[in-house]
Each structure stands twice: as C-alpha cells, then as structure tokens.
Amino acid sequence: MAKSTTSVVILGSEYKIACPPEESEAVKKAALYLDEKLKEIKEASNLDTNKVAIITALNITNEYLKDSLKKQKINLDANEVVKLTSEVKDHIKSISLLED
C-alpha cells in the first residue's frame, strides 16, 4: 500500500503524517477534532500543554469507550430481536400445525 504525507496543524504546530492516500481526509478530520478539543481544554484551564494533551486524550478515550459500549449494546439488542423473531415464527408454525 502506497504511503503519502498529509499535513495537519495542531495547536499551531504543523505535523506531517504518513498515511495511505485514501486515509488523508480522515487524518485531517481527526487532527481538526483533536485540535478543537485541545483548545477547549487549554482555554478552560491554566494547565501546561502536556497536561492539556493528557486530559484531552483521556476525554477522547472516554468518549470512544462509551460509544463502543453503546454499539455493543445495540448489537446485543439486535441479536435478541432476531432470536425472538425466530422463536415467534417457530411458535406460529407449531400453532399452524395444531390447527391442521
């Protein structure tokens, strides 16, 4: 897979990120999101840049884990619906057999 370089700016510093060309836009969006979150924490506190980075990373990780848990629950709920649907169909078939 070919790699290209994508330039992003985070907290006023430019970074060149190696990534496949098809991931360039996603990397830019991720950098923009990170930059916004870093600025939010930096403006709301008197923390140095290293602590801002740690707090921001922790917040983003927490958001990610919450979203992952929601998706897992949705998948479990969907699997339960499929299972219940199958059981209902089986019951309908057995009722139909009794009527014949």
PDB file of N, CA and C in Angstrom:
ATOM      1  N   MET A   1       0.833  -1.162   0.000  1.00  0.00           N
ATOM      2  CA  MET A   1       0.000   0.000   0.000  1.00  0.00           C
ATOM      3  C   MET A   1       0.891   1.242   0.000  1.00  0.00           C
ATOM      4  N   ALA A   2       0.636   2.152  -0.912  1.00  0.00           N
ATOM      5  CA  ALA A   2       1.436   3.360  -1.029  1.00  0.00           C
ATOM      6  C   ALA A   2       1.129   4.306   0.125  1.00  0.00           C
ATOM      7  N   LYS A   3       2.178   4.957   0.601  1.00  0.00           N
ATOM      8  CA  LYS A   3       2.014   5.941   1.667  1.00  0.00           C
ATOM      9  C   LYS A   3       2.273   7.322   1.081  1.00  0.00           C
ATOM     10  N   SER A   4       1.523   8.289   1.579  1.00  0.00           N
ATOM     11  CA  SER A   4       1.756   9.676   1.218  1.00  0.00           C
ATOM     12  C   SER A   4       1.845  10.454   2.518  1.00  0.00           C
ATOM     13  N   THR A   5       2.129  11.721   2.407  1.00  0.00           N
ATOM     14  CA  THR A   5       2.225  12.559   3.599  1.00  0.00           C
ATOM     15  C   THR A   5       1.084  13.552   3.611  1.00  0.00           C
ATOM     16  N   THR A   6       0.421  13.627   4.736  1.00  0.00           N
ATOM     17  CA  THR A   6      -0.675  14.576   4.938  1.00  0.00           C
ATOM     18  C   THR A   6      -0.238  15.573   5.999  1.00  0.00           C
ATOM     19  N   SER A   7      -0.381  16.848   5.710  1.00  0.00           N
ATOM     20  CA  SER A   7      -0.012  17.886   6.675  1.00  0.00           C
ATOM     21  C   SER A   7      -1.234  18.298   7.482  1.00  0.00           C
ATOM     22  N   VAL A   8      -1.042  18.395   8.800  1.00  0.00           N
ATOM     23  CA  VAL A   8      -2.095  18.848   9.689  1.00  0.00           C
ATOM     24  C   VAL A   8      -1.500  19.865  10.661  1.00  0.00           C
ATOM     25  N   VAL A   9      -2.358  20.724  11.197  1.00  0.00           N
ATOM     26  CA  VAL A   9      -1.922  21.707  12.190  1.00  0.00           C
ATOM     27  C   VAL A   9      -2.680  21.441  13.480  1.00  0.00           C
ATOM     28  N   ILE A  10      -1.914  21.262  14.556  1.00  0.00           N
ATOM     29  CA  ILE A  10      -2.489  21.022  15.873  1.00  0.00           C
ATOM     30  C   ILE A  10      -1.844  21.992  16.848  1.00  0.00           C
ATOM     31  N   LEU A  11      -2.673  22.791  17.483  1.00  0.00           N
ATOM     32  CA  LEU A  11      -2.205  23.837  18.400  1.00  0.00           C
ATOM     33  C   LEU A  11      -1.109  24.703  17.784  1.00  0.00           C
ATOM     34  N   GLY A  12      -1.310  25.051  16.527  1.00  0.00           N
ATOM     35  CA  GLY A  12      -0.389  25.958  15.854  1.00  0.00           C
ATOM     36  C   GLY A  12       0.875  25.325  15.296  1.00  0.00           C
ATOM     37  N   SER A  13       1.086  24.051  15.536  1.00  0.00           N
ATOM     38  CA  SER A  13       2.269  23.364  15.007  1.00  0.00           C
ATOM     39  C   SER A  13       1.867  22.457  13.859  1.00  0.00           C
ATOM     40  N   GLU A  14       2.685  22.446  12.816  1.00  0.00           N
ATOM     41  CA  GLU A  14       2.392  21.597  11.666  1.00  0.00           C
ATOM     42  C   GLU A  14       3.053  20.232  11.849  1.00  0.00           C
ATOM     43  N   TYR A  15       2.294  19.202  11.512  1.00  0.00           N
ATOM     44  CA  TYR A  15       2.777  17.826  11.580  1.00  0.00           C
ATOM     45  C   TYR A  15       2.546  17.177  10.225  1.00  0.00           C
ATOM     46  N   LYS A  16       3.517  16.408   9.781  1.00  0.00           N
ATOM     47  CA  LYS A  16       3.378  15.648   8.546  1.00  0.00           C
ATOM     48  C   LYS A  16       3.146  14.194   8.947  1.00  0.00           C
ATOM     49  N   ILE A  17       2.007  13.681   8.543  1.00  0.00           N
ATOM     50  CA  ILE A  17       1.575  12.341   8.935  1.00  0.00           C
ATOM     51  C   ILE A  17       1.636  11.416   7.718  1.00  0.00           C
ATOM     52  N   ALA A  18       2.344  10.308   7.853  1.00  0.00           N
ATOM     53  CA  ALA A  18       2.394   9.313   6.782  1.00  0.00           C
ATOM     54  C   ALA A  18       1.146   8.448   6.860  1.00  0.00           C
ATOM     55  N   CYS A  19       0.433   8.354   5.741  1.00  0.00           N
ATOM     56  CA  CYS A  19      -0.770   7.529   5.692  1.00  0.00           C
ATOM     57  C   CYS A  19      -1.090   7.222   4.239  1.00  0.00           C
ATOM     58  N   PRO A  20      -1.869   6.166   3.990  1.00  0.00           N
ATOM     59  CA  PRO A  20      -2.301   5.893   2.619  1.00  0.00           C
ATOM     60  C   PRO A  20      -3.121   7.060   2.092  1.00  0.00           C
ATOM     61  N   PRO A  21      -3.036   7.351   0.812  1.00  0.00           N
ATOM     62  CA  PRO A  21      -3.777   8.492   0.244  1.00  0.00           C
ATOM     63  C   PRO A  21      -5.270   8.466   0.549  1.00  0.00           C
ATOM     64  N   GLU A  22      -5.865   7.276   0.569  1.00  0.00           N
ATOM     65  CA  GLU A  22      -7.310   7.185   0.814  1.00  0.00           C
ATOM     66  C   GLU A  22      -7.685   7.506   2.266  1.00  0.00           C
ATOM     67  N   GLU A  23      -6.703   7.613   3.151  1.00  0.00           N
ATOM     68  CA  GLU A  23      -6.975   7.947   4.547  1.00  0.00           C
ATOM     69  C   GLU A  23      -6.656   9.399   4.878  1.00  0.00           C
ATOM     70  N   SER A  24      -6.175  10.145   3.897  1.00  0.00           N
ATOM     71  CA  SER A  24      -5.743  11.528   4.118  1.00  0.00           C
ATOM     72  C   SER A  24      -6.850  12.395   4.707  1.00  0.00           C
ATOM     73  N   GLU A  25      -8.040  12.341   4.147  1.00  0.00           N
ATOM     74  CA  GLU A  25      -9.146  13.168   4.639  1.00  0.00           C
ATOM     75  C   GLU A  25      -9.536  12.788   6.062  1.00  0.00           C
ATOM     76  N   ALA A  26      -9.540  11.502   6.359  1.00  0.00           N
ATOM     77  CA  ALA A  26      -9.878  11.047   7.712  1.00  0.00           C
ATOM     78  C   ALA A  26      -8.839  11.546   8.720  1.00  0.00           C
ATOM     79  N   VAL A  27      -7.565  11.537   8.323  1.00  0.00           N
ATOM     80  CA  VAL A  27      -6.498  12.032   9.198  1.00  0.00           C
ATOM     81  C   VAL A  27      -6.680  13.527   9.441  1.00  0.00           C
ATOM     82  N   LYS A  28      -7.026  14.261   8.395  1.00  0.00           N
ATOM     83  CA  LYS A  28      -7.251  15.706   8.545  1.00  0.00           C
ATOM     84  C   LYS A  28      -8.426  15.983   9.476  1.00  0.00           C
ATOM     85  N   LYS A  29      -9.507  15.216   9.333  1.00  0.00           N
ATOM     86  CA  LYS A  29     -10.674  15.392  10.202  1.00  0.00           C
ATOM     87  C   LYS A  29     -10.320  15.054  11.653  1.00  0.00           C
ATOM     88  N   ALA A  30      -9.546  13.987  11.844  1.00  0.00           N
ATOM     89  CA  ALA A  30      -9.135  13.593  13.192  1.00  0.00           C
ATOM     90  C   ALA A  30      -8.267  14.683  13.821  1.00  0.00           C
ATOM     91  N   ALA A  31      -7.353  15.250  13.042  1.00  0.00           N
ATOM     92  CA  ALA A  31      -6.487  16.314  13.549  1.00  0.00           C
ATOM     93  C   ALA A  31      -7.294  17.558  13.904  1.00  0.00           C
ATOM     94  N   LEU A  32      -8.266  17.884  13.081  1.00  0.00           N
ATOM     95  CA  LEU A  32      -9.118  19.044  13.352  1.00  0.00           C
ATOM     96  C   LEU A  32      -9.918  18.830  14.638  1.00  0.00           C
ATOM     97  N   TYR A  33     -10.462  17.635  14.802  1.00  0.00           N
ATOM     98  CA  TYR A  33     -11.210  17.296  16.011  1.00  0.00           C
ATOM     99  C   TYR A  33     -10.302  17.402  17.239  1.00  0.00           C
ATOM    100  N   LEU A  34      -9.101  16.816  17.140  1.00  0.00           N
ATOM    101  CA  LEU A  34      -8.143  16.864  18.240  1.00  0.00           C
ATOM    102  C   LEU A  34      -7.772  18.301  18.570  1.00  0.00           C
ATOM    103  N   ASP A  35      -7.496  19.098  17.549  1.00  0.00           N
ATOM    104  CA  ASP A  35      -7.125  20.496  17.755  1.00  0.00           C
ATOM    105  C   ASP A  35      -8.234  21.248  18.491  1.00  0.00           C
ATOM    106  N   GLU A  36      -9.481  21.030  18.088  1.00  0.00           N
ATOM    107  CA  GLU A  36     -10.615  21.695  18.752  1.00  0.00           C
ATOM    108  C   GLU A  36     -10.714  21.284  20.216  1.00  0.00           C
ATOM    109  N   LYS A  37     -10.570  19.992  20.483  1.00  0.00           N
ATOM    110  CA  LYS A  37     -10.669  19.501  21.857  1.00  0.00           C
ATOM    111  C   LYS A  37      -9.523  20.026  22.713  1.00  0.00           C
ATOM    112  N   LEU A  38      -8.314  20.045  22.160  1.00  0.00           N
ATOM    113  CA  LEU A  38      -7.165  20.579  22.888  1.00  0.00           C
ATOM    114  C   LEU A  38      -7.382  22.049  23.237  1.00  0.00           C
ATOM    115  N   LYS A  39      -7.871  22.816  22.275  1.00  0.00           N
ATOM    116  CA  LYS A  39      -8.120  24.241  22.510  1.00  0.00           C
ATOM    117  C   LYS A  39      -9.187  24.450  23.582  1.00  0.00           C
ATOM    118  N   GLU A  40     -10.228  23.621  23.569  1.00  0.00           N
ATOM    119  CA  GLU A  40     -11.281  23.726  24.588  1.00  0.00           C
ATOM    120  C   GLU A  40     -10.703  23.579  25.993  1.00  0.00           C
ATOM    121  N   ILE A  41      -9.886  22.543  26.174  1.00  0.00           N
ATOM    122  CA  ILE A  41      -9.299  22.282  27.496  1.00  0.00           C
ATOM    123  C   ILE A  41      -8.304  23.382  27.846  1.00  0.00           C
ATOM    124  N   LYS A  42      -7.487  23.765  26.884  1.00  0.00           N
ATOM    125  CA  LYS A  42      -6.461  24.786  27.123  1.00  0.00           C
ATOM    126  C   LYS A  42      -7.100  26.117  27.533  1.00  0.00           C
ATOM    127  N   GLU A  43      -8.187  26.506  26.856  1.00  0.00           N
ATOM    128  CA  GLU A  43      -8.848  27.773  27.159  1.00  0.00           C
ATOM    129  C   GLU A  43      -9.598  27.741  28.481  1.00  0.00           C
ATOM    130  N   ALA A  44     -10.009  26.566  28.898  1.00  0.00           N
ATOM    131  CA  ALA A  44     -10.801  26.442  30.130  1.00  0.00           C
ATOM    132  C   ALA A  44      -9.934  26.200  31.361  1.00  0.00           C
ATOM    133  N   SER A  45      -8.613  26.127  31.189  1.00  0.00           N
ATOM    134  CA  SER A  45      -7.751  25.802  32.327  1.00  0.00           C
ATOM    135  C   SER A  45      -6.436  26.572  32.241  1.00  0.00           C
ATOM    136  N   ASN A  46      -5.689  26.466  33.308  1.00  0.00           N
ATOM    137  CA  ASN A  46      -4.343  27.056  33.334  1.00  0.00           C
ATOM    138  C   ASN A  46      -3.276  25.971  33.217  1.00  0.00           C
ATOM    139  N   LEU A  47      -3.625  24.844  32.634  1.00  0.00           N
ATOM    140  CA  LEU A  47      -2.705  23.715  32.549  1.00  0.00           C
ATOM    141  C   LEU A  47      -1.673  23.924  31.453  1.00  0.00           C
ATOM    142  N   ASP A  48      -0.483  23.307  31.656  1.00  0.00           N
ATOM    143  CA  ASP A  48       0.527  23.359  30.597  1.00  0.00           C
ATOM    144  C   ASP A  48       0.119  22.418  29.465  1.00  0.00           C
ATOM    145  N   THR A  49       0.778  22.557  28.332  1.00  0.00           N
ATOM    146  CA  THR A  49       0.401  21.815  27.120  1.00  0.00           C
ATOM    147  C   THR A  49       0.435  20.306  27.314  1.00  0.00           C
ATOM    148  N   ASN A  50       1.412  19.792  28.062  1.00  0.00           N
ATOM    149  CA  ASN A  50       1.476  18.345  28.294  1.00  0.00           C
ATOM    150  C   ASN A  50       0.258  17.846  29.061  1.00  0.00           C
ATOM    151  N   LYS A  51      -0.134  18.578  30.091  1.00  0.00           N
ATOM    152  CA  LYS A  51      -1.307  18.164  30.876  1.00  0.00           C
ATOM    153  C   LYS A  51      -2.578  18.314  30.053  1.00  0.00           C
ATOM    154  N   VAL A  52      -2.655  19.359  29.227  1.00  0.00           N
ATOM    155  CA  VAL A  52      -3.799  19.539  28.334  1.00  0.00           C
ATOM    156  C   VAL A  52      -3.909  18.331  27.398  1.00  0.00           C
ATOM    157  N   ALA A  53      -2.765  17.884  26.876  1.00  0.00           N
ATOM    158  CA  ALA A  53      -2.760  16.732  25.967  1.00  0.00           C
ATOM    159  C   ALA A  53      -3.247  15.471  26.672  1.00  0.00           C
ATOM    160  N   ILE A  54      -2.816  15.266  27.901  1.00  0.00           N
ATOM    161  CA  ILE A  54      -3.225  14.073  28.657  1.00  0.00           C
ATOM    162  C   ILE A  54      -4.718  14.119  28.962  1.00  0.00           C
ATOM    163  N   ILE A  55      -5.216  15.259  29.448  1.00  0.00           N
ATOM    164  CA  ILE A  55      -6.635  15.386  29.763  1.00  0.00           C
ATOM    165  C   ILE A  55      -7.483  15.200  28.507  1.00  0.00           C
ATOM    166  N   THR A  56      -7.048  15.800  27.403  1.00  0.00           N
ATOM    167  CA  THR A  56      -7.781  15.671  26.141  1.00  0.00           C
ATOM    168  C   THR A  56      -7.792  14.223  25.669  1.00  0.00           C
ATOM    169  N   ALA A  57      -6.644  13.560  25.752  1.00  0.00           N
ATOM    170  CA  ALA A  57      -6.579  12.146  25.356  1.00  0.00           C
ATOM    171  C   ALA A  57      -7.505  11.300  26.220  1.00  0.00           C
ATOM    172  N   LEU A  58      -7.534  11.587  27.500  1.00  0.00           N
ATOM    173  CA  LEU A  58      -8.414  10.851  28.406  1.00  0.00           C
ATOM    174  C   LEU A  58      -9.883  11.089  28.060  1.00  0.00           C
ATOM    175  N   ASN A  59     -10.250  12.337  27.785  1.00  0.00           N
ATOM    176  CA  ASN A  59     -11.633  12.651  27.410  1.00  0.00           C
ATOM    177  C   ASN A  59     -12.041  11.954  26.112  1.00  0.00           C
ATOM    178  N   ILE A  60     -11.166  12.005  25.107  1.00  0.00           N
ATOM    179  CA  ILE A  60     -11.472  11.367  23.821  1.00  0.00           C
ATOM    180  C   ILE A  60     -11.574   9.851  23.987  1.00  0.00           C
ATOM    181  N   THR A  61     -10.681   9.277  24.788  1.00  0.00           N
ATOM    182  CA  THR A  61     -10.729   7.832  25.038  1.00  0.00           C
ATOM    183  C   THR A  61     -12.023   7.454  25.742  1.00  0.00           C
ATOM    184  N   ASN A  62     -12.432   8.270  26.707  1.00  0.00           N
ATOM    185  CA  ASN A  62     -13.687   8.023  27.417  1.00  0.00           C
ATOM    186  C   ASN A  62     -14.877   8.073  26.457  1.00  0.00           C
ATOM    187  N   GLU A  63     -14.909   9.081  25.571  1.00  0.00           N
ATOM    188  CA  GLU A  63     -15.975   9.174  24.563  1.00  0.00           C
ATOM    189  C   GLU A  63     -15.991   7.925  23.683  1.00  0.00           C
ATOM    190  N   TYR A  64     -14.818   7.508  23.237  1.00  0.00           N
ATOM    191  CA  TYR A  64     -14.703   6.335  22.368  1.00  0.00           C
ATOM    192  C   TYR A  64     -15.228   5.083  23.067  1.00  0.00           C
ATOM    193  N   LEU A  65     -14.818   4.882  24.314  1.00  0.00           N
ATOM    194  CA  LEU A  65     -15.246   3.686  25.042  1.00  0.00           C
ATOM    195  C   LEU A  65     -16.753   3.692  25.292  1.00  0.00           C
ATOM    196  N   LYS A  66     -17.319   4.860  25.608  1.00  0.00           N
ATOM    197  CA  LYS A  66     -18.781   4.947  25.793  1.00  0.00           C
ATOM    198  C   LYS A  66     -19.500   4.595  24.494  1.00  0.00           C
ATOM    199  N   ASP A  67     -19.009   5.131  23.374  1.00  0.00           N
ATOM    200  CA  ASP A  67     -19.619   4.829  22.077  1.00  0.00           C
ATOM    201  C   ASP A  67     -19.495   3.347  21.741  1.00  0.00           C
ATOM    202  N   SER A  68     -18.349   2.755  22.056  1.00  0.00           N
ATOM    203  CA  SER A  68     -18.153   1.325  21.799  1.00  0.00           C
ATOM    204  C   SER A  68     -19.134   0.484  22.599  1.00  0.00           C
ATOM    205  N   LEU A  69     -19.334   0.852  23.860  1.00  0.00           N
ATOM    206  CA  LEU A  69     -20.287   0.117  24.692  1.00  0.00           C
ATOM    207  C   LEU A  69     -21.708   0.254  24.159  1.00  0.00           C
ATOM    208  N   LYS A  70     -22.067   1.453  23.696  1.00  0.00           N
ATOM    209  CA  LYS A  70     -23.402   1.654  23.112  1.00  0.00           C
ATOM    210  C   LYS A  70     -23.581   0.760  21.891  1.00  0.00           C
ATOM    211  N   LYS A  71     -22.557   0.702  21.025  1.00  0.00           N
ATOM    212  CA  LYS A  71     -22.644  -0.127  19.825  1.00  0.00           C
ATOM    213  C   LYS A  71     -22.762  -1.599  20.190  1.00  0.00           C
ATOM    214  N   GLN A  72     -22.017  -2.034  21.207  1.00  0.00           N
ATOM    215  CA  GLN A  72     -22.115  -3.426  21.643  1.00  0.00           C
ATOM    216  C   GLN A  72     -23.526  -3.723  22.139  1.00  0.00           C
ATOM    217  N   LYS A  73     -24.099  -2.787  22.907  1.00  0.00           N
ATOM    218  CA  LYS A  73     -25.458  -2.986  23.416  1.00  0.00           C
ATOM    219  C   LYS A  73     -26.456  -3.038  22.271  1.00  0.00           C
ATOM    220  N   ILE A  74     -26.297  -2.170  21.293  1.00  0.00           N
ATOM    221  CA  ILE A  74     -27.189  -2.174  20.130  1.00  0.00           C
ATOM    222  C   ILE A  74     -27.080  -3.501  19.400  1.00  0.00           C
ATOM    223  N   ASN A  75     -25.852  -4.013  19.229  1.00  0.00           N
ATOM    224  CA  ASN A  75     -25.667  -5.302  18.566  1.00  0.00           C
ATOM    225  C   ASN A  75     -26.312  -6.430  19.358  1.00  0.00           C
ATOM    226  N   LEU A  76     -26.157  -6.375  20.695  1.00  0.00           N
ATOM    227  CA  LEU A  76     -26.787  -7.400  21.529  1.00  0.00           C
ATOM    228  C   LEU A  76     -28.302  -7.315  21.422  1.00  0.00           C
ATOM    229  N   ASP A  77     -28.833  -6.098  21.447  1.00  0.00           N
ATOM    230  CA  ASP A  77     -30.278  -5.914  21.317  1.00  0.00           C
ATOM    231  C   ASP A  77     -30.768  -6.425  19.962  1.00  0.00           C
ATOM    232  N   ALA A  78     -30.032  -6.138  18.902  1.00  0.00           N
ATOM    233  CA  ALA A  78     -30.412  -6.604  17.563  1.00  0.00           C
ATOM    234  C   ALA A  78     -30.389  -8.125  17.506  1.00  0.00           C
ATOM    235  N   ASN A  79     -29.386  -8.743  18.117  1.00  0.00           N
ATOM    236  CA  ASN A  79     -29.317 -10.208  18.154  1.00  0.00           C
ATOM    237  C   ASN A  79     -30.495 -10.789  18.925  1.00  0.00           C
ATOM    238  N   GLU A  80     -30.888 -10.123  19.993  1.00  0.00           N
ATOM    239  CA  GLU A  80     -32.032 -10.582  20.781  1.00  0.00           C
ATOM    240  C   GLU A  80     -33.320 -10.486  19.962  1.00  0.00           C
ATOM    241  N   VAL A  81     -33.474  -9.415  19.186  1.00  0.00           N
ATOM    242  CA  VAL A  81     -34.651  -9.259  18.322  1.00  0.00           C
ATOM    243  C   VAL A  81     -34.695 -10.389  17.298  1.00  0.00           C
ATOM    244  N   VAL A  82     -33.565 -10.698  16.696  1.00  0.00           N
ATOM    245  CA  VAL A  82     -33.505 -11.789  15.711  1.00  0.00           C
ATOM    246  C   VAL A  82     -33.886 -13.107  16.372  1.00  0.00           C
ATOM    247  N   LYS A  83     -33.361 -13.344  17.553  1.00  0.00           N
ATOM    248  CA  LYS A  83     -33.670 -14.586  18.276  1.00  0.00           C
ATOM    249  C   LYS A  83     -35.163 -14.664  18.605  1.00  0.00           C
ATOM    250  N   LEU A  84     -35.718 -13.578  19.133  1.00  0.00           N
ATOM    251  CA  LEU A  84     -37.142 -13.575  19.485  1.00  0.00           C
ATOM    252  C   LEU A  84     -38.031 -13.734  18.248  1.00  0.00           C
ATOM    253  N   THR A  85     -37.635 -13.095  17.154  1.00  0.00           N
ATOM    254  CA  THR A  85     -38.389 -13.227  15.903  1.00  0.00           C
ATOM    255  C   THR A  85     -38.419 -14.683  15.459  1.00  0.00           C
ATOM    256  N   SER A  86     -37.305 -15.324  15.554  1.00  0.00           N
ATOM    257  CA  SER A  86     -37.220 -16.742  15.183  1.00  0.00           C
ATOM    258  C   SER A  86     -38.115 -17.596  16.084  1.00  0.00           C
ATOM    259  N   GLU A  87     -38.112 -17.296  17.368  1.00  0.00           N
ATOM    260  CA  GLU A  87     -38.955 -18.048  18.297  1.00  0.00           C
ATOM    261  C   GLU A  87     -40.443 -17.836  17.997  1.00  0.00           C
ATOM    262  N   VAL A  88     -40.810 -16.594  17.689  1.00  0.00           N
ATOM    263  CA  VAL A  88     -42.213 -16.300  17.356  1.00  0.00           C
ATOM    264  C   VAL A  88     -42.613 -17.064  16.100  1.00  0.00           C
ATOM    265  N   LYS A  89     -41.767 -17.071  15.082  1.00  0.00           N
ATOM    266  CA  LYS A  89     -42.059 -17.809  13.847  1.00  0.00           C
ATOM    267  C   LYS A  89     -42.237 -19.299  14.137  1.00  0.00           C
ATOM    268  N   ASP A  90     -41.362 -19.832  14.999  1.00  0.00           N
ATOM    269  CA  ASP A  90     -41.482 -21.249  15.358  1.00  0.00           C
ATOM    270  C   ASP A  90     -42.809 -21.529  16.060  1.00  0.00           C
ATOM    271  N   HIS A  91     -43.213 -20.629  16.954  1.00  0.00           N
ATOM    272  CA  HIS A  91     -44.493 -20.806  17.656  1.00  0.00           C
ATOM    273  C   HIS A  91     -45.669 -20.718  16.683  1.00  0.00           C
ATOM    274  N   ILE A  92     -45.599 -19.801  15.749  1.00  0.00           N
ATOM    275  CA  ILE A  92     -46.663 -19.668  14.762  1.00  0.00           C
ATOM    276  C   ILE A  92     -46.769 -20.947  13.927  1.00  0.00           C
ATOM    277  N   LYS A  93     -45.620 -21.499  13.536  1.00  0.00           N
ATOM    278  CA  LYS A  93     -45.624 -22.762  12.780  1.00  0.00           C
ATOM    279  C   LYS A  93     -46.246 -23.883  13.596  1.00  0.00           C
ATOM    280  N   SER A  94     -45.873 -23.954  14.868  1.00  0.00           N
ATOM    281  CA  SER A  94     -46.420 -25.046  15.691  1.00  0.00           C
ATOM    282  C   SER A  94     -47.922 -24.873  15.898  1.00  0.00           C
ATOM    283  N   ILE A  95     -48.400 -23.648  16.019  1.00  0.00           N
ATOM    284  CA  ILE A  95     -49.840 -23.399  16.143  1.00  0.00           C
ATOM    285  C   ILE A  95     -50.542 -23.789  14.842  1.00  0.00           C
ATOM    286  N   SER A  96     -49.924 -23.446  13.722  1.00  0.00           N
ATOM    287  CA  SER A  96     -50.493 -23.793  12.418  1.00  0.00           C
ATOM    288  C   SER A  96     -50.594 -25.304  12.261  1.00  0.00           C
ATOM    289  N   LEU A  97     -49.614 -26.034  12.734  1.00  0.00           N
ATOM    290  CA  LEU A  97     -49.633 -27.495  12.644  1.00  0.00           C
ATOM    291  C   LEU A  97     -50.745 -28.064  13.514  1.00  0.00           C
ATOM    292  N   LEU A  98     -50.997 -27.454  14.654  1.00  0.00           N
ATOM    293  CA  LEU A  98     -52.064 -27.938  15.547  1.00  0.00           C
ATOM    294  C   LEU A  98     -53.443 -27.744  14.917  1.00  0.00           C
ATOM    295  N   GLU A  99     -53.595 -26.665  14.147  1.00  0.00           N
ATOM    296  CA  GLU A  99     -54.888 -26.361  13.530  1.00  0.00           C
ATOM    297  C   GLU A  99     -55.183 -27.287  12.355  1.00  0.00           C
ATOM    298  N   ASP A 100     -54.164 -27.849  11.742  1.00  0.00           N
ATOM    299  CA  ASP A 100     -54.374 -28.733  10.593  1.00  0.00           C
ATOM    300  C   ASP A 100     -54.868 -30.058  10.983  1.00  0.00           C
TER     301      ASP A 100
END
